[in-house]
Amino acid sequence: MSSRKPAKVQTFRDRQYPASLQEILDAQQQGAQAVNDNLPPVVCPYRGTGEQEIFLAAMWHRGYRHRQDIIRAATSGDDPD
């Protein structure tokens, strides 16, 4: 019989993200708002080459795609169940 240690649950603070949680959420919300405003993805304001700018651009596009998926699901007429 072996005694295993329970796996440590990683929290946001344990992970080394190049941006704060608020910055990540803001970027995702901005991306979603761009879809609501019918703007193309090229309007993403994060265009730098640094690690933080690249990461926030990815978060912006994640918010953009997520909002598109929500709209597609709502308008497709398919029952998700």
PDB file of N, CA and C in Angstrom:
ATOM      1  N   MET A   1       0.845  -1.177   0.000  1.00  0.00           N
ATOM      2  CA  MET A   1       0.000   0.000   0.000  1.00  0.00           C
ATOM      3  C   MET A   1       0.889   1.238   0.000  1.00  0.00           C
ATOM      4  N   SER A   2       0.722   2.060  -1.010  1.00  0.00           N
ATOM      5  CA  SER A   2       1.544   3.267  -1.093  1.00  0.00           C
ATOM      6  C   SER A   2       0.713   4.477  -0.696  1.00  0.00           C
ATOM      7  N   SER A   3       1.378   5.388  -0.090  1.00  0.00           N
ATOM      8  CA  SER A   3       0.664   6.615   0.274  1.00  0.00           C
ATOM      9  C   SER A   3       1.110   7.719  -0.680  1.00  0.00           C
ATOM     10  N   ARG A   4       0.190   8.156  -1.463  1.00  0.00           N
ATOM     11  CA  ARG A   4       0.471   9.228  -2.424  1.00  0.00           C
ATOM     12  C   ARG A   4       0.083  10.557  -1.824  1.00  0.00           C
ATOM     13  N   LYS A   5       0.868  11.539  -2.167  1.00  0.00           N
ATOM     14  CA  LYS A   5       0.512  12.899  -1.763  1.00  0.00           C
ATOM     15  C   LYS A   5      -0.529  13.413  -2.748  1.00  0.00           C
ATOM     16  N   PRO A   6      -1.517  14.113  -2.263  1.00  0.00           N
ATOM     17  CA  PRO A   6      -2.494  14.675  -3.204  1.00  0.00           C
ATOM     18  C   PRO A   6      -1.818  15.692  -4.122  1.00  0.00           C
ATOM     19  N   ALA A   7      -2.278  15.716  -5.350  1.00  0.00           N
ATOM     20  CA  ALA A   7      -1.726  16.656  -6.322  1.00  0.00           C
ATOM     21  C   ALA A   7      -2.021  18.082  -5.887  1.00  0.00           C
ATOM     22  N   LYS A   8      -1.022  18.925  -6.019  1.00  0.00           N
ATOM     23  CA  LYS A   8      -1.208  20.328  -5.660  1.00  0.00           C
ATOM     24  C   LYS A   8      -2.017  21.019  -6.752  1.00  0.00           C
ATOM     25  N   VAL A   9      -3.034  21.705  -6.343  1.00  0.00           N
ATOM     26  CA  VAL A   9      -3.857  22.455  -7.276  1.00  0.00           C
ATOM     27  C   VAL A   9      -3.178  23.781  -7.554  1.00  0.00           C
ATOM     28  N   GLN A  10      -2.958  24.050  -8.834  1.00  0.00           N
ATOM     29  CA  GLN A  10      -2.327  25.308  -9.187  1.00  0.00           C
ATOM     30  C   GLN A  10      -3.367  26.415  -9.246  1.00  0.00           C
ATOM     31  N   THR A  11      -3.047  27.518  -8.644  1.00  0.00           N
ATOM     32  CA  THR A  11      -3.909  28.687  -8.716  1.00  0.00           C
ATOM     33  C   THR A  11      -3.335  29.643  -9.759  1.00  0.00           C
ATOM     34  N   PHE A  12      -4.076  30.682 -10.055  1.00  0.00           N
ATOM     35  CA  PHE A  12      -3.599  31.658 -11.028  1.00  0.00           C
ATOM     36  C   PHE A  12      -2.251  32.229 -10.604  1.00  0.00           C
ATOM     37  N   ARG A  13      -2.098  32.483  -9.316  1.00  0.00           N
ATOM     38  CA  ARG A  13      -0.849  33.062  -8.814  1.00  0.00           C
ATOM     39  C   ARG A  13       0.329  32.110  -8.943  1.00  0.00           C
ATOM     40  N   ASP A  14       0.069  30.798  -8.914  1.00  0.00           N
ATOM     41  CA  ASP A  14       1.137  29.813  -9.050  1.00  0.00           C
ATOM     42  C   ASP A  14       1.705  29.781 -10.464  1.00  0.00           C
ATOM     43  N   ARG A  15       0.896  30.092 -11.417  1.00  0.00           N
ATOM     44  CA  ARG A  15       1.322  30.058 -12.822  1.00  0.00           C
ATOM     45  C   ARG A  15       1.991  31.377 -13.163  1.00  0.00           C
ATOM     46  N   GLN A  16       2.882  31.325 -14.084  1.00  0.00           N
ATOM     47  CA  GLN A  16       3.644  32.518 -14.455  1.00  0.00           C
ATOM     48  C   GLN A  16       3.131  33.111 -15.770  1.00  0.00           C
ATOM     49  N   TYR A  17       2.002  33.787 -15.699  1.00  0.00           N
ATOM     50  CA  TYR A  17       1.452  34.454 -16.876  1.00  0.00           C
ATOM     51  C   TYR A  17       2.132  35.805 -17.053  1.00  0.00           C
ATOM     52  N   PRO A  18       2.303  36.239 -18.293  1.00  0.00           N
ATOM     53  CA  PRO A  18       2.957  37.534 -18.514  1.00  0.00           C
ATOM     54  C   PRO A  18       2.028  38.735 -18.351  1.00  0.00           C
ATOM     55  N   ALA A  19       0.831  38.517 -17.832  1.00  0.00           N
ATOM     56  CA  ALA A  19      -0.122  39.609 -17.622  1.00  0.00           C
ATOM     57  C   ALA A  19      -0.950  39.284 -16.385  1.00  0.00           C
ATOM     58  N   SER A  20      -1.513  40.331 -15.810  1.00  0.00           N
ATOM     59  CA  SER A  20      -2.365  40.128 -14.638  1.00  0.00           C
ATOM     60  C   SER A  20      -3.711  39.547 -15.073  1.00  0.00           C
ATOM     61  N   LEU A  21      -4.424  38.999 -14.121  1.00  0.00           N
ATOM     62  CA  LEU A  21      -5.741  38.445 -14.410  1.00  0.00           C
ATOM     63  C   LEU A  21      -6.659  39.523 -14.980  1.00  0.00           C
ATOM     64  N   GLN A  22      -6.605  40.730 -14.428  1.00  0.00           N
ATOM     65  CA  GLN A  22      -7.453  41.811 -14.925  1.00  0.00           C
ATOM     66  C   GLN A  22      -7.114  42.165 -16.371  1.00  0.00           C
ATOM     67  N   GLU A  23      -5.830  42.192 -16.699  1.00  0.00           N
ATOM     68  CA  GLU A  23      -5.426  42.485 -18.081  1.00  0.00           C
ATOM     69  C   GLU A  23      -5.914  41.402 -19.043  1.00  0.00           C
ATOM     70  N   ILE A  24      -5.861  40.159 -18.605  1.00  0.00           N
ATOM     71  CA  ILE A  24      -6.338  39.048 -19.435  1.00  0.00           C
ATOM     72  C   ILE A  24      -7.837  39.177 -19.672  1.00  0.00           C
ATOM     73  N   LEU A  25      -8.587  39.405 -18.605  1.00  0.00           N
ATOM     74  CA  LEU A  25     -10.040  39.541 -18.732  1.00  0.00           C
ATOM     75  C   LEU A  25     -10.417  40.742 -19.588  1.00  0.00           C
ATOM     76  N   ASP A  26      -9.697  41.840 -19.426  1.00  0.00           N
ATOM     77  CA  ASP A  26      -9.962  43.038 -20.237  1.00  0.00           C
ATOM     78  C   ASP A  26      -9.720  42.757 -21.718  1.00  0.00           C
ATOM     79  N   ALA A  27      -8.624  42.073 -22.025  1.00  0.00           N
ATOM     80  CA  ALA A  27      -8.312  41.762 -23.422  1.00  0.00           C
ATOM     81  C   ALA A  27      -9.391  40.864 -24.018  1.00  0.00           C
ATOM     82  N   GLN A  28      -9.832  39.856 -23.274  1.00  0.00           N
ATOM     83  CA  GLN A  28     -10.883  38.967 -23.772  1.00  0.00           C
ATOM     84  C   GLN A  28     -12.195  39.721 -23.972  1.00  0.00           C
ATOM     85  N   GLN A  29     -12.519  40.624 -23.062  1.00  0.00           N
ATOM     86  CA  GLN A  29     -13.744  41.402 -23.198  1.00  0.00           C
ATOM     87  C   GLN A  29     -13.667  42.337 -24.403  1.00  0.00           C
ATOM     88  N   GLN A  30     -12.506  42.926 -24.630  1.00  0.00           N
ATOM     89  CA  GLN A  30     -12.334  43.793 -25.793  1.00  0.00           C
ATOM     90  C   GLN A  30     -12.518  43.011 -27.092  1.00  0.00           C
ATOM     91  N   GLY A  31     -11.991  41.790 -27.127  1.00  0.00           N
ATOM     92  CA  GLY A  31     -12.171  40.947 -28.309  1.00  0.00           C
ATOM     93  C   GLY A  31     -13.636  40.618 -28.545  1.00  0.00           C
ATOM     94  N   ALA A  32     -14.344  40.270 -27.476  1.00  0.00           N
ATOM     95  CA  ALA A  32     -15.772  39.976 -27.599  1.00  0.00           C
ATOM     96  C   ALA A  32     -16.546  41.208 -28.051  1.00  0.00           C
ATOM     97  N   GLN A  33     -16.172  42.368 -27.537  1.00  0.00           N
ATOM     98  CA  GLN A  33     -16.858  43.601 -27.923  1.00  0.00           C
ATOM     99  C   GLN A  33     -16.630  43.922 -29.398  1.00  0.00           C
ATOM    100  N   ALA A  34     -15.455  43.584 -29.918  1.00  0.00           N
ATOM    101  CA  ALA A  34     -15.185  43.810 -31.344  1.00  0.00           C
ATOM    102  C   ALA A  34     -16.157  43.011 -32.207  1.00  0.00           C
ATOM    103  N   VAL A  35     -16.479  41.792 -31.792  1.00  0.00           N
ATOM    104  CA  VAL A  35     -17.474  40.996 -32.526  1.00  0.00           C
ATOM    105  C   VAL A  35     -18.824  41.684 -32.441  1.00  0.00           C
ATOM    106  N   ASN A  36     -19.199  42.130 -31.243  1.00  0.00           N
ATOM    107  CA  ASN A  36     -20.480  42.812 -31.079  1.00  0.00           C
ATOM    108  C   ASN A  36     -20.565  44.059 -31.945  1.00  0.00           C
ATOM    109  N   ASP A  37     -19.425  44.721 -32.130  1.00  0.00           N
ATOM    110  CA  ASP A  37     -19.377  45.938 -32.952  1.00  0.00           C
ATOM    111  C   ASP A  37     -19.174  45.640 -34.429  1.00  0.00           C
ATOM    112  N   ASN A  38     -19.172  44.348 -34.782  1.00  0.00           N
ATOM    113  CA  ASN A  38     -19.012  43.909 -36.170  1.00  0.00           C
ATOM    114  C   ASN A  38     -17.680  44.361 -36.779  1.00  0.00           C
ATOM    115  N   LEU A  39     -16.629  44.294 -35.989  1.00  0.00           N
ATOM    116  CA  LEU A  39     -15.299  44.677 -36.444  1.00  0.00           C
ATOM    117  C   LEU A  39     -14.494  43.433 -36.809  1.00  0.00           C
ATOM    118  N   PRO A  40     -13.585  43.556 -37.766  1.00  0.00           N
ATOM    119  CA  PRO A  40     -12.758  42.401 -38.133  1.00  0.00           C
ATOM    120  C   PRO A  40     -11.672  42.160 -37.089  1.00  0.00           C
ATOM    121  N   PRO A  41     -11.119  40.953 -37.040  1.00  0.00           N
ATOM    122  CA  PRO A  41     -10.100  40.648 -36.030  1.00  0.00           C
ATOM    123  C   PRO A  41      -8.805  41.448 -36.179  1.00  0.00           C
ATOM    124  N   VAL A  42      -8.596  42.082 -37.307  1.00  0.00           N
ATOM    125  CA  VAL A  42      -7.365  42.864 -37.484  1.00  0.00           C
ATOM    126  C   VAL A  42      -7.344  44.137 -36.642  1.00  0.00           C
ATOM    127  N   VAL A  43      -8.443  44.456 -35.981  1.00  0.00           N
ATOM    128  CA  VAL A  43      -8.462  45.643 -35.129  1.00  0.00           C
ATOM    129  C   VAL A  43      -7.869  45.372 -33.750  1.00  0.00           C
ATOM    130  N   CYS A  44      -7.366  44.179 -33.526  1.00  0.00           N
ATOM    131  CA  CYS A  44      -6.764  43.841 -32.237  1.00  0.00           C
ATOM    132  C   CYS A  44      -5.709  44.888 -31.882  1.00  0.00           C
ATOM    133  N   PRO A  45      -5.828  45.506 -30.715  1.00  0.00           N
ATOM    134  CA  PRO A  45      -4.901  46.582 -30.349  1.00  0.00           C
ATOM    135  C   PRO A  45      -3.536  46.095 -29.871  1.00  0.00           C
ATOM    136  N   TYR A  46      -3.380  44.805 -29.661  1.00  0.00           N
ATOM    137  CA  TYR A  46      -2.117  44.267 -29.142  1.00  0.00           C
ATOM    138  C   TYR A  46      -1.254  43.829 -30.321  1.00  0.00           C
ATOM    139  N   ARG A  47      -0.244  44.626 -30.644  1.00  0.00           N
ATOM    140  CA  ARG A  47       0.558  44.373 -31.833  1.00  0.00           C
ATOM    141  C   ARG A  47       2.055  44.325 -31.574  1.00  0.00           C
ATOM    142  N   GLY A  48       2.456  44.361 -30.333  1.00  0.00           N
ATOM    143  CA  GLY A  48       3.874  44.365 -30.018  1.00  0.00           C
ATOM    144  C   GLY A  48       4.517  43.002 -30.212  1.00  0.00           C
ATOM    145  N   THR A  49       5.812  42.972 -30.030  1.00  0.00           N
ATOM    146  CA  THR A  49       6.556  41.730 -30.186  1.00  0.00           C
ATOM    147  C   THR A  49       7.024  41.172 -28.852  1.00  0.00           C
ATOM    148  N   GLY A  50       6.737  41.866 -27.765  1.00  0.00           N
ATOM    149  CA  GLY A  50       7.115  41.378 -26.443  1.00  0.00           C
ATOM    150  C   GLY A  50       6.199  40.259 -25.987  1.00  0.00           C
ATOM    151  N   GLU A  51       6.650  39.533 -24.979  1.00  0.00           N
ATOM    152  CA  GLU A  51       5.888  38.387 -24.482  1.00  0.00           C
ATOM    153  C   GLU A  51       4.493  38.797 -24.008  1.00  0.00           C
ATOM    154  N   GLN A  52       4.402  39.915 -23.299  1.00  0.00           N
ATOM    155  CA  GLN A  52       3.097  40.344 -22.794  1.00  0.00           C
ATOM    156  C   GLN A  52       2.159  40.738 -23.933  1.00  0.00           C
ATOM    157  N   GLU A  53       2.650  41.459 -24.926  1.00  0.00           N
ATOM    158  CA  GLU A  53       1.793  41.881 -26.034  1.00  0.00           C
ATOM    159  C   GLU A  53       1.303  40.688 -26.840  1.00  0.00           C
ATOM    160  N   ILE A  54       2.183  39.720 -27.074  1.00  0.00           N
ATOM    161  CA  ILE A  54       1.787  38.521 -27.816  1.00  0.00           C
ATOM    162  C   ILE A  54       0.742  37.741 -27.026  1.00  0.00           C
ATOM    163  N   PHE A  55       0.964  37.610 -25.738  1.00  0.00           N
ATOM    164  CA  PHE A  55       0.025  36.889 -24.881  1.00  0.00           C
ATOM    165  C   PHE A  55      -1.336  37.591 -24.856  1.00  0.00           C
ATOM    166  N   LEU A  56      -1.343  38.908 -24.684  1.00  0.00           N
ATOM    167  CA  LEU A  56      -2.615  39.634 -24.633  1.00  0.00           C
ATOM    168  C   LEU A  56      -3.323  39.614 -25.983  1.00  0.00           C
ATOM    169  N   ALA A  57      -2.567  39.602 -27.076  1.00  0.00           N
ATOM    170  CA  ALA A  57      -3.183  39.457 -28.401  1.00  0.00           C
ATOM    171  C   ALA A  57      -3.882  38.108 -28.503  1.00  0.00           C
ATOM    172  N   ALA A  58      -3.240  37.065 -27.997  1.00  0.00           N
ATOM    173  CA  ALA A  58      -3.869  35.739 -28.004  1.00  0.00           C
ATOM    174  C   ALA A  58      -5.141  35.737 -27.160  1.00  0.00           C
ATOM    175  N   MET A  59      -5.116  36.426 -26.025  1.00  0.00           N
ATOM    176  CA  MET A  59      -6.300  36.501 -25.171  1.00  0.00           C
ATOM    177  C   MET A  59      -7.412  37.304 -25.851  1.00  0.00           C
ATOM    178  N   TRP A  60      -7.036  38.361 -26.558  1.00  0.00           N
ATOM    179  CA  TRP A  60      -8.011  39.170 -27.291  1.00  0.00           C
ATOM    180  C   TRP A  60      -8.697  38.298 -28.341  1.00  0.00           C
ATOM    181  N   HIS A  61      -7.893  37.544 -29.095  1.00  0.00           N
ATOM    182  CA  HIS A  61      -8.454  36.683 -30.139  1.00  0.00           C
ATOM    183  C   HIS A  61      -9.274  35.544 -29.539  1.00  0.00           C
ATOM    184  N   ARG A  62      -8.896  35.076 -28.369  1.00  0.00           N
ATOM    185  CA  ARG A  62      -9.690  34.050 -27.686  1.00  0.00           C
ATOM    186  C   ARG A  62     -11.074  34.609 -27.356  1.00  0.00           C
ATOM    187  N   GLY A  63     -11.133  35.839 -26.843  1.00  0.00           N
ATOM    188  CA  GLY A  63     -12.418  36.470 -26.564  1.00  0.00           C
ATOM    189  C   GLY A  63     -13.234  36.687 -27.823  1.00  0.00           C
ATOM    190  N   TYR A  64     -12.554  37.053 -28.904  1.00  0.00           N
ATOM    191  CA  TYR A  64     -13.206  37.277 -30.196  1.00  0.00           C
ATOM    192  C   TYR A  64     -13.850  35.980 -30.695  1.00  0.00           C
ATOM    193  N   ARG A  65     -13.056  34.899 -30.709  1.00  0.00           N
ATOM    194  CA  ARG A  65     -13.559  33.610 -31.201  1.00  0.00           C
ATOM    195  C   ARG A  65     -14.670  33.052 -30.299  1.00  0.00           C
ATOM    196  N   HIS A  66     -14.516  33.236 -29.000  1.00  0.00           N
ATOM    197  CA  HIS A  66     -15.535  32.736 -28.080  1.00  0.00           C
ATOM    198  C   HIS A  66     -16.873  33.432 -28.337  1.00  0.00           C
ATOM    199  N   ARG A  67     -16.839  34.730 -28.524  1.00  0.00           N
ATOM    200  CA  ARG A  67     -18.082  35.471 -28.795  1.00  0.00           C
ATOM    201  C   ARG A  67     -18.681  35.039 -30.129  1.00  0.00           C
ATOM    202  N   GLN A  68     -17.836  34.807 -31.137  1.00  0.00           N
ATOM    203  CA  GLN A  68     -18.341  34.311 -32.422  1.00  0.00           C
ATOM    204  C   GLN A  68     -19.030  32.957 -32.244  1.00  0.00           C
ATOM    205  N   ASP A  69     -18.411  32.087 -31.456  1.00  0.00           N
ATOM    206  CA  ASP A  69     -18.992  30.765 -31.216  1.00  0.00           C
ATOM    207  C   ASP A  69     -20.344  30.869 -30.527  1.00  0.00           C
ATOM    208  N   ILE A  70     -20.461  31.781 -29.580  1.00  0.00           N
ATOM    209  CA  ILE A  70     -21.740  31.973 -28.882  1.00  0.00           C
ATOM    210  C   ILE A  70     -22.816  32.431 -29.864  1.00  0.00           C
ATOM    211  N   ILE A  71     -22.458  33.368 -30.721  1.00  0.00           N
ATOM    212  CA  ILE A  71     -23.422  33.882 -31.702  1.00  0.00           C
ATOM    213  C   ILE A  71     -23.799  32.792 -32.695  1.00  0.00           C
ATOM    214  N   ARG A  72     -22.813  32.047 -33.175  1.00  0.00           N
ATOM    215  CA  ARG A  72     -23.105  30.957 -34.116  1.00  0.00           C
ATOM    216  C   ARG A  72     -24.042  29.927 -33.486  1.00  0.00           C
ATOM    217  N   ALA A  73     -23.773  29.559 -32.249  1.00  0.00           N
ATOM    218  CA  ALA A  73     -24.607  28.565 -31.570  1.00  0.00           C
ATOM    219  C   ALA A  73     -26.036  29.081 -31.398  1.00  0.00           C
ATOM    220  N   ALA A  74     -26.168  30.348 -31.102  1.00  0.00           N
ATOM    221  CA  ALA A  74     -27.490  30.930 -30.874  1.00  0.00           C
ATOM    222  C   ALA A  74     -28.284  31.083 -32.171  1.00  0.00           C
ATOM    223  N   THR A  75     -27.591  31.203 -33.296  1.00  0.00           N
ATOM    224  CA  THR A  75     -28.276  31.451 -34.564  1.00  0.00           C
ATOM    225  C   THR A  75     -28.297  30.252 -35.496  1.00  0.00           C
ATOM    226  N   SER A  76     -27.671  29.157 -35.087  1.00  0.00           N
ATOM    227  CA  SER A  76     -27.584  28.006 -35.990  1.00  0.00           C
ATOM    228  C   SER A  76     -28.882  27.215 -36.069  1.00  0.00           C
ATOM    229  N   GLY A  77     -29.694  27.312 -35.040  1.00  0.00           N
ATOM    230  CA  GLY A  77     -30.935  26.557 -35.033  1.00  0.00           C
ATOM    231  C   GLY A  77     -30.734  25.126 -34.573  1.00  0.00           C
ATOM    232  N   ASP A  78     -29.497  24.728 -34.325  1.00  0.00           N
ATOM    233  CA  ASP A  78     -29.226  23.383 -33.839  1.00  0.00           C
ATOM    234  C   ASP A  78     -29.423  23.339 -32.336  1.00  0.00           C
ATOM    235  N   ASP A  79     -30.043  22.282 -31.896  1.00  0.00           N
ATOM    236  CA  ASP A  79     -30.213  22.089 -30.458  1.00  0.00           C
ATOM    237  C   ASP A  79     -28.943  21.449 -29.911  1.00  0.00           C
ATOM    238  N   PRO A  80     -28.227  22.126 -28.998  1.00  0.00           N
ATOM    239  CA  PRO A  80     -26.968  21.586 -28.519  1.00  0.00           C
ATOM    240  C   PRO A  80     -27.124  20.284 -27.733  1.00  0.00           C
ATOM    241  N   ASP A  81     -28.296  19.971 -27.282  1.00  0.00           N
ATOM    242  CA  ASP A  81     -28.510  18.725 -26.531  1.00  0.00           C
ATOM    243  C   ASP A  81     -28.757  17.650 -27.513  1.00  0.00           C
TER     244      ASP A  81
END
